[in-house]
Amino acid sequence: MRNGTGLLVLLLVVSGCAGQRSEGLQPQAEIPSATSTVSQPQVAPPTTESVDPPATDDCKVDELKLAVRDGDAAAGTVYRKLIFTNTGTRLCVIQGFPGVSYVAGDDGHQVGPAAFRVGTKGSPVRLDPGTSASADVGFVNVQNYDPTVCQPTEVRGLRVYPPHDTGSAFVELPGTGCAGTPPGNQLTVKTVV
């Protein structure tokens, strides 16, 4: 009994002193409770070295000149380079697949399906003013398709949407496209490089 009473007294003394601080002792850091608010550490603003300058936004159609250059031919398909030249005054970035389709008539209406995307999206290409990037476009000889399915139609050229842009440009390139939906892709396009 005596040991049990001594233990009880010791516990009462320890618990009674737990809320008091002794002179000369360093206070311990308080641990925040679940309801305490902990202030967030201050973060220094990023330096210009780690952040791209705002001039690296996507290239927009009004600051690009588009052109088509001849390329290679293979198995009924002619591949040409669709060239994007930065005619603006700022550095801009172009990445991914352009939207490409045949157009005809004075109203520039689309003829047949748009170009099918081939391959994977490439890395961003930074265009300084005056520099260019390109995407390969495949033009299938539509005479290879059944004319009742293809519905061959004279076209004036291409409507091109630069990647990440809702604006388009017309590129003159007379030829023949399928107004119908052929069993294959009349146009293909690769990523901008």
N, C-alpha and C. Protein backbone atom coordinates (compact mmCIF):
# COMPACT_ATOMS: atom_id res chain seq x y z
N MET A 1 0.81 -1.19 0.00
CA MET A 1 0.00 0.00 0.00
C MET A 1 0.84 1.24 0.00
N ARG A 2 1.95 1.20 0.75
CA ARG A 2 2.78 2.37 0.86
C ARG A 2 3.36 2.76 -0.48
N ASN A 3 3.82 1.79 -1.29
CA ASN A 3 4.38 2.08 -2.60
C ASN A 3 3.31 2.65 -3.53
N GLY A 4 2.08 2.14 -3.43
CA GLY A 4 0.99 2.65 -4.27
C GLY A 4 0.66 4.08 -3.91
N THR A 5 0.68 4.44 -2.60
CA THR A 5 0.39 5.80 -2.18
C THR A 5 1.49 6.74 -2.63
N GLY A 6 2.74 6.32 -2.54
CA GLY A 6 3.87 7.15 -2.97
C GLY A 6 3.82 7.42 -4.46
N LEU A 7 3.42 6.43 -5.23
CA LEU A 7 3.31 6.59 -6.67
C LEU A 7 2.21 7.58 -7.01
N LEU A 8 1.08 7.49 -6.30
CA LEU A 8 -0.03 8.41 -6.53
C LEU A 8 0.37 9.84 -6.20
N VAL A 9 1.10 10.05 -5.14
CA VAL A 9 1.56 11.39 -4.77
C VAL A 9 2.51 11.92 -5.83
N LEU A 10 3.41 11.09 -6.31
CA LEU A 10 4.37 11.51 -7.32
C LEU A 10 3.64 11.93 -8.60
N LEU A 11 2.62 11.19 -9.01
CA LEU A 11 1.87 11.55 -10.20
C LEU A 11 1.15 12.87 -10.02
N LEU A 12 0.58 13.11 -8.86
CA LEU A 12 -0.11 14.38 -8.61
C LEU A 12 0.86 15.55 -8.65
N VAL A 13 2.05 15.38 -8.10
CA VAL A 13 3.05 16.44 -8.09
C VAL A 13 3.50 16.74 -9.51
N VAL A 14 3.77 15.70 -10.31
CA VAL A 14 4.24 15.88 -11.68
C VAL A 14 3.16 16.56 -12.51
N SER A 15 1.91 16.11 -12.38
CA SER A 15 0.85 16.71 -13.18
C SER A 15 0.57 18.13 -12.74
N GLY A 16 0.72 18.46 -11.50
CA GLY A 16 0.51 19.82 -11.02
C GLY A 16 1.59 20.76 -11.51
N CYS A 17 2.78 20.28 -11.77
CA CYS A 17 3.89 21.11 -12.22
C CYS A 17 3.99 21.19 -13.74
N ALA A 18 3.23 20.35 -14.43
CA ALA A 18 3.39 20.28 -15.89
C ALA A 18 3.06 21.60 -16.56
N GLY A 19 2.12 22.37 -16.04
CA GLY A 19 1.73 23.63 -16.67
C GLY A 19 2.63 24.78 -16.28
N GLN A 20 3.56 24.62 -15.34
CA GLN A 20 4.42 25.71 -14.89
C GLN A 20 5.82 25.54 -15.46
N ARG A 21 6.48 26.70 -15.63
CA ARG A 21 7.86 26.66 -16.11
C ARG A 21 8.78 26.97 -14.95
N SER A 22 9.86 26.30 -14.94
CA SER A 22 10.84 26.54 -13.89
C SER A 22 11.73 27.68 -14.32
N GLU A 23 12.17 28.47 -13.37
CA GLU A 23 13.10 29.57 -13.63
C GLU A 23 14.40 29.00 -14.17
N GLY A 24 14.99 29.65 -15.12
CA GLY A 24 16.30 29.27 -15.62
C GLY A 24 16.26 28.22 -16.72
N LEU A 25 15.09 27.63 -16.99
CA LEU A 25 15.01 26.64 -18.05
C LEU A 25 14.53 27.31 -19.33
N GLN A 26 15.02 26.86 -20.47
CA GLN A 26 14.61 27.39 -21.76
C GLN A 26 13.23 26.83 -22.10
N PRO A 27 12.30 27.69 -22.55
CA PRO A 27 10.99 27.17 -22.93
C PRO A 27 11.15 26.32 -24.20
N GLN A 28 10.38 25.27 -24.25
CA GLN A 28 10.41 24.42 -25.43
C GLN A 28 9.46 24.98 -26.47
N ALA A 29 9.75 24.70 -27.73
CA ALA A 29 8.89 25.18 -28.81
C ALA A 29 7.53 24.51 -28.68
N GLU A 30 6.51 25.33 -28.89
CA GLU A 30 5.17 24.77 -28.81
C GLU A 30 4.84 24.04 -30.10
N ILE A 31 4.18 22.93 -29.97
CA ILE A 31 3.77 22.15 -31.12
C ILE A 31 2.35 22.57 -31.45
N PRO A 32 2.09 22.98 -32.68
CA PRO A 32 0.74 23.43 -33.00
C PRO A 32 -0.25 22.28 -32.89
N SER A 33 -1.41 22.60 -32.36
CA SER A 33 -2.46 21.59 -32.25
C SER A 33 -3.17 21.48 -33.59
N ALA A 34 -4.08 20.53 -33.68
CA ALA A 34 -4.79 20.31 -34.94
C ALA A 34 -5.63 21.52 -35.32
N THR A 35 -6.03 22.33 -34.35
CA THR A 35 -6.86 23.50 -34.65
C THR A 35 -6.04 24.77 -34.80
N SER A 36 -4.74 24.69 -34.54
CA SER A 36 -3.90 25.89 -34.68
C SER A 36 -3.68 26.20 -36.15
N THR A 37 -3.47 27.46 -36.46
CA THR A 37 -3.12 27.82 -37.83
C THR A 37 -1.62 27.97 -37.90
N VAL A 38 -1.02 27.39 -38.89
CA VAL A 38 0.42 27.45 -39.08
C VAL A 38 0.67 28.37 -40.26
N SER A 39 1.47 29.40 -40.06
CA SER A 39 1.74 30.32 -41.15
C SER A 39 2.61 29.64 -42.19
N GLN A 40 2.32 29.94 -43.46
CA GLN A 40 3.07 29.36 -44.56
C GLN A 40 4.42 30.07 -44.69
N PRO A 41 5.46 29.33 -45.03
CA PRO A 41 6.76 29.98 -45.21
C PRO A 41 6.70 30.95 -46.39
N GLN A 42 7.42 32.02 -46.26
CA GLN A 42 7.47 33.02 -47.33
C GLN A 42 8.35 32.48 -48.46
N VAL A 43 7.85 32.59 -49.68
CA VAL A 43 8.59 32.12 -50.84
C VAL A 43 9.04 33.32 -51.65
N ALA A 44 10.31 33.34 -51.99
CA ALA A 44 10.84 34.46 -52.77
C ALA A 44 10.27 34.38 -54.18
N PRO A 45 9.99 35.52 -54.80
CA PRO A 45 9.48 35.49 -56.17
C PRO A 45 10.51 34.87 -57.10
N PRO A 46 10.02 34.18 -58.16
CA PRO A 46 10.97 33.53 -59.06
C PRO A 46 11.85 34.55 -59.77
N THR A 47 13.04 34.11 -60.09
CA THR A 47 13.95 34.99 -60.83
C THR A 47 13.65 34.88 -62.31
N THR A 48 14.10 35.83 -63.07
CA THR A 48 13.85 35.81 -64.51
C THR A 48 14.59 34.66 -65.19
N GLU A 49 15.60 34.10 -64.52
CA GLU A 49 16.33 32.99 -65.10
C GLU A 49 15.48 31.73 -65.14
N SER A 50 14.56 31.54 -64.16
CA SER A 50 13.78 30.32 -64.11
C SER A 50 12.41 30.46 -64.76
N VAL A 51 12.05 31.63 -65.19
CA VAL A 51 10.73 31.85 -65.80
C VAL A 51 10.92 32.40 -67.20
N ASP A 52 10.19 31.79 -68.16
CA ASP A 52 10.27 32.30 -69.52
C ASP A 52 9.69 33.70 -69.57
N PRO A 53 10.28 34.58 -70.32
CA PRO A 53 9.73 35.93 -70.44
C PRO A 53 8.36 35.87 -71.12
N PRO A 54 7.50 36.84 -70.88
CA PRO A 54 6.17 36.80 -71.46
C PRO A 54 6.17 36.82 -72.97
N ALA A 55 7.30 37.14 -73.59
CA ALA A 55 7.36 37.20 -75.05
C ALA A 55 7.39 35.82 -75.69
N THR A 56 7.36 34.74 -74.91
CA THR A 56 7.41 33.40 -75.47
C THR A 56 6.02 32.79 -75.61
N ASP A 57 4.99 33.60 -75.75
CA ASP A 57 3.64 33.09 -75.95
C ASP A 57 3.53 32.38 -77.28
N ASP A 58 2.42 31.67 -77.44
CA ASP A 58 2.16 30.97 -78.70
C ASP A 58 2.17 31.95 -79.87
N CYS A 59 2.68 31.49 -81.01
CA CYS A 59 2.63 32.28 -82.24
C CYS A 59 1.19 32.34 -82.72
N LYS A 60 0.74 33.51 -83.10
CA LYS A 60 -0.61 33.71 -83.59
C LYS A 60 -0.59 33.94 -85.09
N VAL A 61 -1.71 33.61 -85.73
CA VAL A 61 -1.77 33.64 -87.18
C VAL A 61 -1.43 35.01 -87.76
N ASP A 62 -1.78 36.10 -87.05
CA ASP A 62 -1.53 37.44 -87.59
C ASP A 62 -0.06 37.84 -87.54
N GLU A 63 0.79 37.05 -86.89
CA GLU A 63 2.23 37.34 -86.88
C GLU A 63 3.02 36.26 -87.60
N LEU A 64 2.33 35.45 -88.40
CA LEU A 64 2.99 34.39 -89.16
C LEU A 64 2.72 34.54 -90.65
N LYS A 65 3.73 34.25 -91.45
CA LYS A 65 3.55 34.14 -92.89
C LYS A 65 3.62 32.66 -93.21
N LEU A 66 2.63 32.15 -93.96
CA LEU A 66 2.58 30.74 -94.29
C LEU A 66 2.86 30.53 -95.77
N ALA A 67 3.55 29.45 -96.07
CA ALA A 67 3.86 29.10 -97.45
C ALA A 67 4.02 27.59 -97.54
N VAL A 68 3.90 27.06 -98.75
CA VAL A 68 4.10 25.64 -99.00
C VAL A 68 5.26 25.49 -99.96
N ARG A 69 6.18 24.60 -99.62
CA ARG A 69 7.32 24.31 -100.49
C ARG A 69 7.26 22.85 -100.92
N ASP A 70 7.73 22.60 -102.13
CA ASP A 70 7.73 21.23 -102.63
C ASP A 70 8.64 20.36 -101.78
N GLY A 71 8.28 19.09 -101.77
CA GLY A 71 9.07 18.12 -101.02
C GLY A 71 9.25 16.85 -101.80
N ASP A 72 9.02 15.71 -101.15
CA ASP A 72 9.24 14.40 -101.75
C ASP A 72 7.91 13.74 -102.13
N ALA A 73 7.99 12.75 -103.00
CA ALA A 73 6.82 11.97 -103.38
C ALA A 73 7.09 10.50 -103.08
N ALA A 74 6.03 9.79 -102.66
CA ALA A 74 6.17 8.36 -102.38
C ALA A 74 4.81 7.69 -102.46
N ALA A 75 4.72 6.63 -103.24
CA ALA A 75 3.55 5.75 -103.32
C ALA A 75 2.22 6.50 -103.39
N GLY A 76 2.09 7.38 -104.36
CA GLY A 76 0.82 8.07 -104.56
C GLY A 76 0.58 9.26 -103.66
N THR A 77 1.57 9.64 -102.85
CA THR A 77 1.45 10.78 -101.95
C THR A 77 2.62 11.73 -102.18
N VAL A 78 2.32 13.02 -102.25
CA VAL A 78 3.36 14.04 -102.34
C VAL A 78 3.45 14.72 -100.98
N TYR A 79 4.68 14.82 -100.46
CA TYR A 79 4.90 15.48 -99.16
C TYR A 79 5.50 16.85 -99.41
N ARG A 80 4.87 17.86 -98.81
CA ARG A 80 5.36 19.22 -98.94
C ARG A 80 5.56 19.81 -97.55
N LYS A 81 6.42 20.83 -97.50
CA LYS A 81 6.68 21.54 -96.24
C LYS A 81 5.72 22.72 -96.13
N LEU A 82 5.00 22.76 -95.02
CA LEU A 82 4.18 23.92 -94.67
C LEU A 82 5.05 24.79 -93.76
N ILE A 83 5.43 25.96 -94.26
CA ILE A 83 6.40 26.83 -93.57
C ILE A 83 5.68 27.91 -92.78
N PHE A 84 6.08 28.07 -91.51
CA PHE A 84 5.59 29.14 -90.64
C PHE A 84 6.75 30.09 -90.37
N THR A 85 6.65 31.33 -90.84
CA THR A 85 7.71 32.32 -90.62
C THR A 85 7.18 33.41 -89.70
N ASN A 86 7.94 33.70 -88.65
CA ASN A 86 7.56 34.75 -87.70
C ASN A 86 7.82 36.12 -88.33
N THR A 87 6.74 36.82 -88.70
CA THR A 87 6.86 38.17 -89.26
C THR A 87 6.58 39.23 -88.21
N GLY A 88 6.37 38.81 -86.97
CA GLY A 88 6.09 39.75 -85.88
C GLY A 88 7.36 40.38 -85.33
N THR A 89 7.19 41.08 -84.24
CA THR A 89 8.32 41.78 -83.63
C THR A 89 8.77 41.14 -82.32
N ARG A 90 8.16 40.02 -81.96
CA ARG A 90 8.49 39.36 -80.70
C ARG A 90 8.84 37.90 -80.94
N LEU A 91 9.54 37.31 -80.00
CA LEU A 91 9.79 35.88 -80.02
C LEU A 91 8.48 35.19 -79.69
N CYS A 92 8.12 34.13 -80.40
CA CYS A 92 6.92 33.37 -80.07
C CYS A 92 7.23 31.89 -80.18
N VAL A 93 6.32 31.07 -79.64
CA VAL A 93 6.53 29.63 -79.58
C VAL A 93 5.44 28.93 -80.38
N ILE A 94 5.83 27.93 -81.16
CA ILE A 94 4.88 27.12 -81.91
C ILE A 94 5.15 25.67 -81.57
N GLN A 95 4.07 24.90 -81.28
CA GLN A 95 4.24 23.51 -80.88
C GLN A 95 3.00 22.72 -81.26
N GLY A 96 3.21 21.58 -81.87
CA GLY A 96 2.11 20.67 -82.14
C GLY A 96 1.71 20.62 -83.59
N PHE A 97 0.46 20.22 -83.81
CA PHE A 97 -0.06 20.00 -85.14
C PHE A 97 -0.89 21.18 -85.61
N PRO A 98 -0.63 21.68 -86.82
CA PRO A 98 -1.53 22.69 -87.38
C PRO A 98 -2.79 21.99 -87.90
N GLY A 99 -3.87 22.74 -87.96
CA GLY A 99 -5.08 22.24 -88.62
C GLY A 99 -4.98 22.59 -90.09
N VAL A 100 -5.18 21.61 -90.97
CA VAL A 100 -5.02 21.83 -92.41
C VAL A 100 -6.20 21.19 -93.13
N SER A 101 -6.82 21.94 -94.05
CA SER A 101 -7.89 21.38 -94.88
C SER A 101 -7.91 22.06 -96.23
N TYR A 102 -8.47 21.37 -97.22
CA TYR A 102 -8.67 21.96 -98.54
C TYR A 102 -9.84 22.94 -98.48
N VAL A 103 -9.74 24.01 -99.28
CA VAL A 103 -10.85 24.95 -99.41
C VAL A 103 -11.08 25.27 -100.89
N ALA A 104 -12.32 25.64 -101.19
CA ALA A 104 -12.68 25.95 -102.58
C ALA A 104 -13.69 27.09 -102.59
N GLY A 105 -13.91 27.63 -103.78
CA GLY A 105 -14.92 28.67 -103.97
C GLY A 105 -14.49 30.01 -103.42
N ASP A 106 -15.27 31.03 -103.79
CA ASP A 106 -15.00 32.38 -103.30
C ASP A 106 -15.20 32.51 -101.80
N ASP A 107 -16.06 31.64 -101.25
CA ASP A 107 -16.34 31.70 -99.82
C ASP A 107 -15.33 30.91 -98.98
N GLY A 108 -14.43 30.16 -99.64
CA GLY A 108 -13.40 29.41 -98.92
C GLY A 108 -13.95 28.26 -98.10
N HIS A 109 -15.01 27.60 -98.60
CA HIS A 109 -15.60 26.49 -97.84
C HIS A 109 -14.67 25.26 -97.87
N GLN A 110 -14.74 24.48 -96.80
CA GLN A 110 -13.88 23.30 -96.67
C GLN A 110 -14.33 22.22 -97.64
N VAL A 111 -13.35 21.51 -98.18
CA VAL A 111 -13.60 20.41 -99.11
C VAL A 111 -13.09 19.12 -98.47
N GLY A 112 -14.00 18.25 -98.08
CA GLY A 112 -13.63 16.96 -97.50
C GLY A 112 -13.05 17.07 -96.10
N PRO A 113 -12.61 15.92 -95.56
CA PRO A 113 -12.09 15.91 -94.19
C PRO A 113 -10.77 16.67 -94.06
N ALA A 114 -10.55 17.20 -92.87
CA ALA A 114 -9.28 17.88 -92.56
C ALA A 114 -8.15 16.87 -92.50
N ALA A 115 -6.92 17.37 -92.50
CA ALA A 115 -5.74 16.51 -92.48
C ALA A 115 -5.70 15.65 -91.22
N PHE A 116 -5.29 14.42 -91.40
CA PHE A 116 -5.13 13.46 -90.31
C PHE A 116 -3.76 13.66 -89.68
N ARG A 117 -3.71 13.70 -88.34
CA ARG A 117 -2.44 13.89 -87.63
C ARG A 117 -1.64 12.60 -87.57
N VAL A 118 -0.37 12.69 -87.95
CA VAL A 118 0.51 11.53 -87.98
C VAL A 118 1.66 11.76 -87.00
N GLY A 119 1.92 10.78 -86.14
CA GLY A 119 3.04 10.89 -85.19
C GLY A 119 2.62 11.52 -83.88
N THR A 120 3.62 11.95 -83.12
CA THR A 120 3.38 12.54 -81.80
C THR A 120 3.69 14.03 -81.81
N LYS A 121 3.12 14.71 -80.84
CA LYS A 121 3.34 16.15 -80.70
C LYS A 121 4.81 16.41 -80.37
N GLY A 122 5.41 17.32 -81.11
CA GLY A 122 6.83 17.62 -80.92
C GLY A 122 7.09 18.63 -79.81
N SER A 123 8.34 18.92 -79.61
CA SER A 123 8.76 19.89 -78.61
C SER A 123 8.45 21.31 -79.08
N PRO A 124 8.37 22.27 -78.14
CA PRO A 124 8.15 23.65 -78.54
C PRO A 124 9.29 24.17 -79.43
N VAL A 125 8.92 24.96 -80.43
CA VAL A 125 9.90 25.58 -81.32
C VAL A 125 9.82 27.09 -81.10
N ARG A 126 10.93 27.68 -80.70
CA ARG A 126 10.98 29.12 -80.44
C ARG A 126 11.34 29.84 -81.73
N LEU A 127 10.48 30.76 -82.13
CA LEU A 127 10.71 31.50 -83.37
C LEU A 127 11.04 32.95 -83.07
N ASP A 128 12.27 33.33 -83.30
CA ASP A 128 12.64 34.74 -83.24
C ASP A 128 12.06 35.42 -84.48
N PRO A 129 11.87 36.72 -84.45
CA PRO A 129 11.39 37.41 -85.65
C PRO A 129 12.26 37.07 -86.86
N GLY A 130 11.60 36.70 -87.95
CA GLY A 130 12.31 36.36 -89.18
C GLY A 130 12.68 34.90 -89.33
N THR A 131 12.53 34.09 -88.29
CA THR A 131 12.88 32.67 -88.38
C THR A 131 11.65 31.83 -88.70
N SER A 132 11.90 30.58 -89.13
CA SER A 132 10.81 29.72 -89.61
C SER A 132 10.85 28.34 -88.97
N ALA A 133 9.69 27.68 -88.98
CA ALA A 133 9.53 26.27 -88.61
C ALA A 133 8.66 25.65 -89.69
N SER A 134 8.58 24.33 -89.71
CA SER A 134 7.78 23.69 -90.75
C SER A 134 7.08 22.45 -90.23
N ALA A 135 6.04 22.05 -90.95
CA ALA A 135 5.33 20.80 -90.70
C ALA A 135 5.16 20.10 -92.04
N ASP A 136 5.39 18.79 -92.07
CA ASP A 136 5.21 18.03 -93.31
C ASP A 136 3.73 17.73 -93.52
N VAL A 137 3.26 18.02 -94.73
CA VAL A 137 1.87 17.73 -95.10
C VAL A 137 1.90 16.74 -96.26
N GLY A 138 1.13 15.67 -96.14
CA GLY A 138 1.02 14.67 -97.20
C GLY A 138 -0.24 14.90 -98.02
N PHE A 139 -0.08 14.96 -99.34
CA PHE A 139 -1.19 15.17 -100.28
C PHE A 139 -1.35 13.90 -101.09
N VAL A 140 -2.42 13.14 -100.83
CA VAL A 140 -2.67 11.91 -101.57
C VAL A 140 -3.21 12.26 -102.95
N ASN A 141 -2.80 11.51 -103.95
CA ASN A 141 -3.35 11.68 -105.29
C ASN A 141 -4.78 11.15 -105.25
N VAL A 142 -5.76 12.04 -105.21
CA VAL A 142 -7.16 11.63 -105.04
C VAL A 142 -7.69 10.88 -106.25
N GLN A 143 -6.97 10.88 -107.37
CA GLN A 143 -7.38 10.09 -108.53
C GLN A 143 -7.30 8.59 -108.24
N ASN A 144 -6.61 8.22 -107.16
CA ASN A 144 -6.52 6.82 -106.76
C ASN A 144 -7.79 6.32 -106.09
N TYR A 145 -8.69 7.22 -105.68
CA TYR A 145 -9.93 6.83 -105.02
C TYR A 145 -11.05 6.66 -106.05
N ASP A 146 -12.04 5.87 -105.68
CA ASP A 146 -13.25 5.72 -106.49
C ASP A 146 -13.91 7.09 -106.60
N PRO A 147 -14.13 7.60 -107.81
CA PRO A 147 -14.67 8.95 -107.96
C PRO A 147 -16.07 9.13 -107.39
N THR A 148 -16.86 8.06 -107.33
CA THR A 148 -18.20 8.21 -106.74
C THR A 148 -18.12 8.42 -105.23
N VAL A 149 -17.08 7.89 -104.60
CA VAL A 149 -16.88 8.08 -103.16
C VAL A 149 -16.12 9.37 -102.90
N CYS A 150 -15.06 9.61 -103.67
CA CYS A 150 -14.20 10.79 -103.48
C CYS A 150 -14.90 12.09 -103.84
N GLN A 151 -15.65 12.06 -104.94
CA GLN A 151 -16.25 13.28 -105.48
C GLN A 151 -15.17 14.35 -105.72
N PRO A 152 -14.25 14.09 -106.67
CA PRO A 152 -13.15 15.02 -106.93
C PRO A 152 -13.64 16.45 -107.17
N THR A 153 -13.00 17.39 -106.51
CA THR A 153 -13.39 18.80 -106.55
C THR A 153 -12.15 19.66 -106.67
N GLU A 154 -12.22 20.64 -107.57
CA GLU A 154 -11.10 21.58 -107.69
C GLU A 154 -11.04 22.44 -106.41
N VAL A 155 -9.82 22.60 -105.89
CA VAL A 155 -9.62 23.41 -104.69
C VAL A 155 -8.71 24.59 -105.00
N ARG A 156 -8.87 25.65 -104.22
CA ARG A 156 -8.03 26.85 -104.40
C ARG A 156 -6.75 26.77 -103.58
N GLY A 157 -6.81 26.02 -102.48
CA GLY A 157 -5.66 25.95 -101.60
C GLY A 157 -6.01 25.35 -100.27
N LEU A 158 -5.33 25.82 -99.22
CA LEU A 158 -5.47 25.26 -97.88
C LEU A 158 -5.91 26.31 -96.88
N ARG A 159 -6.73 25.90 -95.94
CA ARG A 159 -6.98 26.71 -94.74
C ARG A 159 -6.10 26.10 -93.65
N VAL A 160 -5.30 26.95 -93.00
CA VAL A 160 -4.35 26.48 -91.99
C VAL A 160 -4.59 27.21 -90.67
N TYR A 161 -4.73 26.42 -89.62
CA TYR A 161 -4.80 26.95 -88.25
C TYR A 161 -3.47 26.64 -87.58
N PRO A 162 -2.69 27.64 -87.19
CA PRO A 162 -1.47 27.34 -86.44
C PRO A 162 -1.83 26.61 -85.14
N PRO A 163 -0.92 25.79 -84.61
CA PRO A 163 -1.21 25.12 -83.35
C PRO A 163 -1.60 26.12 -82.26
N HIS A 164 -2.58 25.76 -81.46
CA HIS A 164 -3.04 26.56 -80.31
C HIS A 164 -3.64 27.90 -80.73
N ASP A 165 -4.18 27.99 -81.94
CA ASP A 165 -4.78 29.24 -82.40
C ASP A 165 -6.12 28.93 -83.05
N THR A 166 -7.09 29.81 -82.83
CA THR A 166 -8.41 29.64 -83.45
C THR A 166 -8.52 30.46 -84.72
N GLY A 167 -7.51 31.26 -85.03
CA GLY A 167 -7.48 32.02 -86.27
C GLY A 167 -6.83 31.20 -87.36
N SER A 168 -7.23 31.44 -88.61
CA SER A 168 -6.68 30.67 -89.72
C SER A 168 -6.17 31.59 -90.82
N ALA A 169 -5.40 31.00 -91.73
CA ALA A 169 -4.87 31.72 -92.89
C ALA A 169 -5.10 30.86 -94.12
N PHE A 170 -5.21 31.51 -95.25
CA PHE A 170 -5.36 30.83 -96.53
C PHE A 170 -4.00 30.75 -97.20
N VAL A 171 -3.68 29.56 -97.72
CA VAL A 171 -2.45 29.36 -98.48
C VAL A 171 -2.87 28.89 -99.87
N GLU A 172 -2.53 29.66 -100.87
CA GLU A 172 -2.92 29.31 -102.23
C GLU A 172 -2.15 28.08 -102.70
N LEU A 173 -2.89 27.08 -103.18
CA LEU A 173 -2.29 25.85 -103.69
C LEU A 173 -3.36 25.11 -104.50
N PRO A 174 -3.57 25.53 -105.75
CA PRO A 174 -4.61 24.91 -106.56
C PRO A 174 -4.36 23.42 -106.76
N GLY A 175 -5.44 22.65 -106.79
CA GLY A 175 -5.32 21.21 -106.99
C GLY A 175 -6.69 20.57 -106.95
N THR A 176 -6.72 19.30 -106.60
CA THR A 176 -7.97 18.54 -106.53
C THR A 176 -8.06 17.84 -105.19
N GLY A 177 -9.20 17.97 -104.54
CA GLY A 177 -9.46 17.28 -103.28
C GLY A 177 -10.72 16.46 -103.38
N CYS A 178 -10.99 15.67 -102.35
CA CYS A 178 -12.21 14.86 -102.29
C CYS A 178 -13.25 15.61 -101.47
N ALA A 179 -14.39 15.93 -102.10
CA ALA A 179 -15.49 16.54 -101.35
C ALA A 179 -16.19 15.49 -100.49
N GLY A 180 -16.10 14.23 -100.91
CA GLY A 180 -16.66 13.13 -100.13
C GLY A 180 -15.65 12.66 -99.10
N THR A 181 -15.97 11.52 -98.50
CA THR A 181 -15.07 10.95 -97.49
C THR A 181 -14.44 9.69 -98.05
N PRO A 182 -13.22 9.79 -98.56
CA PRO A 182 -12.56 8.63 -99.16
C PRO A 182 -12.20 7.61 -98.09
N PRO A 183 -11.85 6.38 -98.50
CA PRO A 183 -11.50 5.34 -97.52
C PRO A 183 -10.16 5.59 -96.82
N GLY A 184 -9.37 6.49 -97.35
CA GLY A 184 -8.09 6.84 -96.71
C GLY A 184 -8.06 8.32 -96.40
N ASN A 185 -6.92 8.82 -95.97
CA ASN A 185 -6.76 10.24 -95.64
C ASN A 185 -6.23 10.99 -96.85
N GLN A 186 -7.02 11.95 -97.35
CA GLN A 186 -6.56 12.72 -98.51
C GLN A 186 -5.43 13.68 -98.13
N LEU A 187 -5.39 14.08 -96.85
CA LEU A 187 -4.34 14.96 -96.32
C LEU A 187 -3.83 14.38 -95.00
N THR A 188 -2.53 14.45 -94.78
CA THR A 188 -1.95 14.12 -93.48
C THR A 188 -1.04 15.26 -93.06
N VAL A 189 -0.83 15.41 -91.75
CA VAL A 189 0.05 16.47 -91.26
C VAL A 189 0.84 15.94 -90.06
N LYS A 190 2.11 16.35 -90.02
CA LYS A 190 2.97 16.00 -88.89
C LYS A 190 3.16 17.23 -88.01
N THR A 191 3.77 17.01 -86.86
CA THR A 191 3.99 18.09 -85.90
C THR A 191 4.98 19.13 -86.45
N VAL A 192 4.91 20.32 -85.94
CA VAL A 192 5.82 21.40 -86.35
C VAL A 192 7.20 21.12 -85.76
N VAL A 193 8.22 21.29 -86.61
CA VAL A 193 9.62 21.12 -86.17
C VAL A 193 10.43 22.32 -86.60
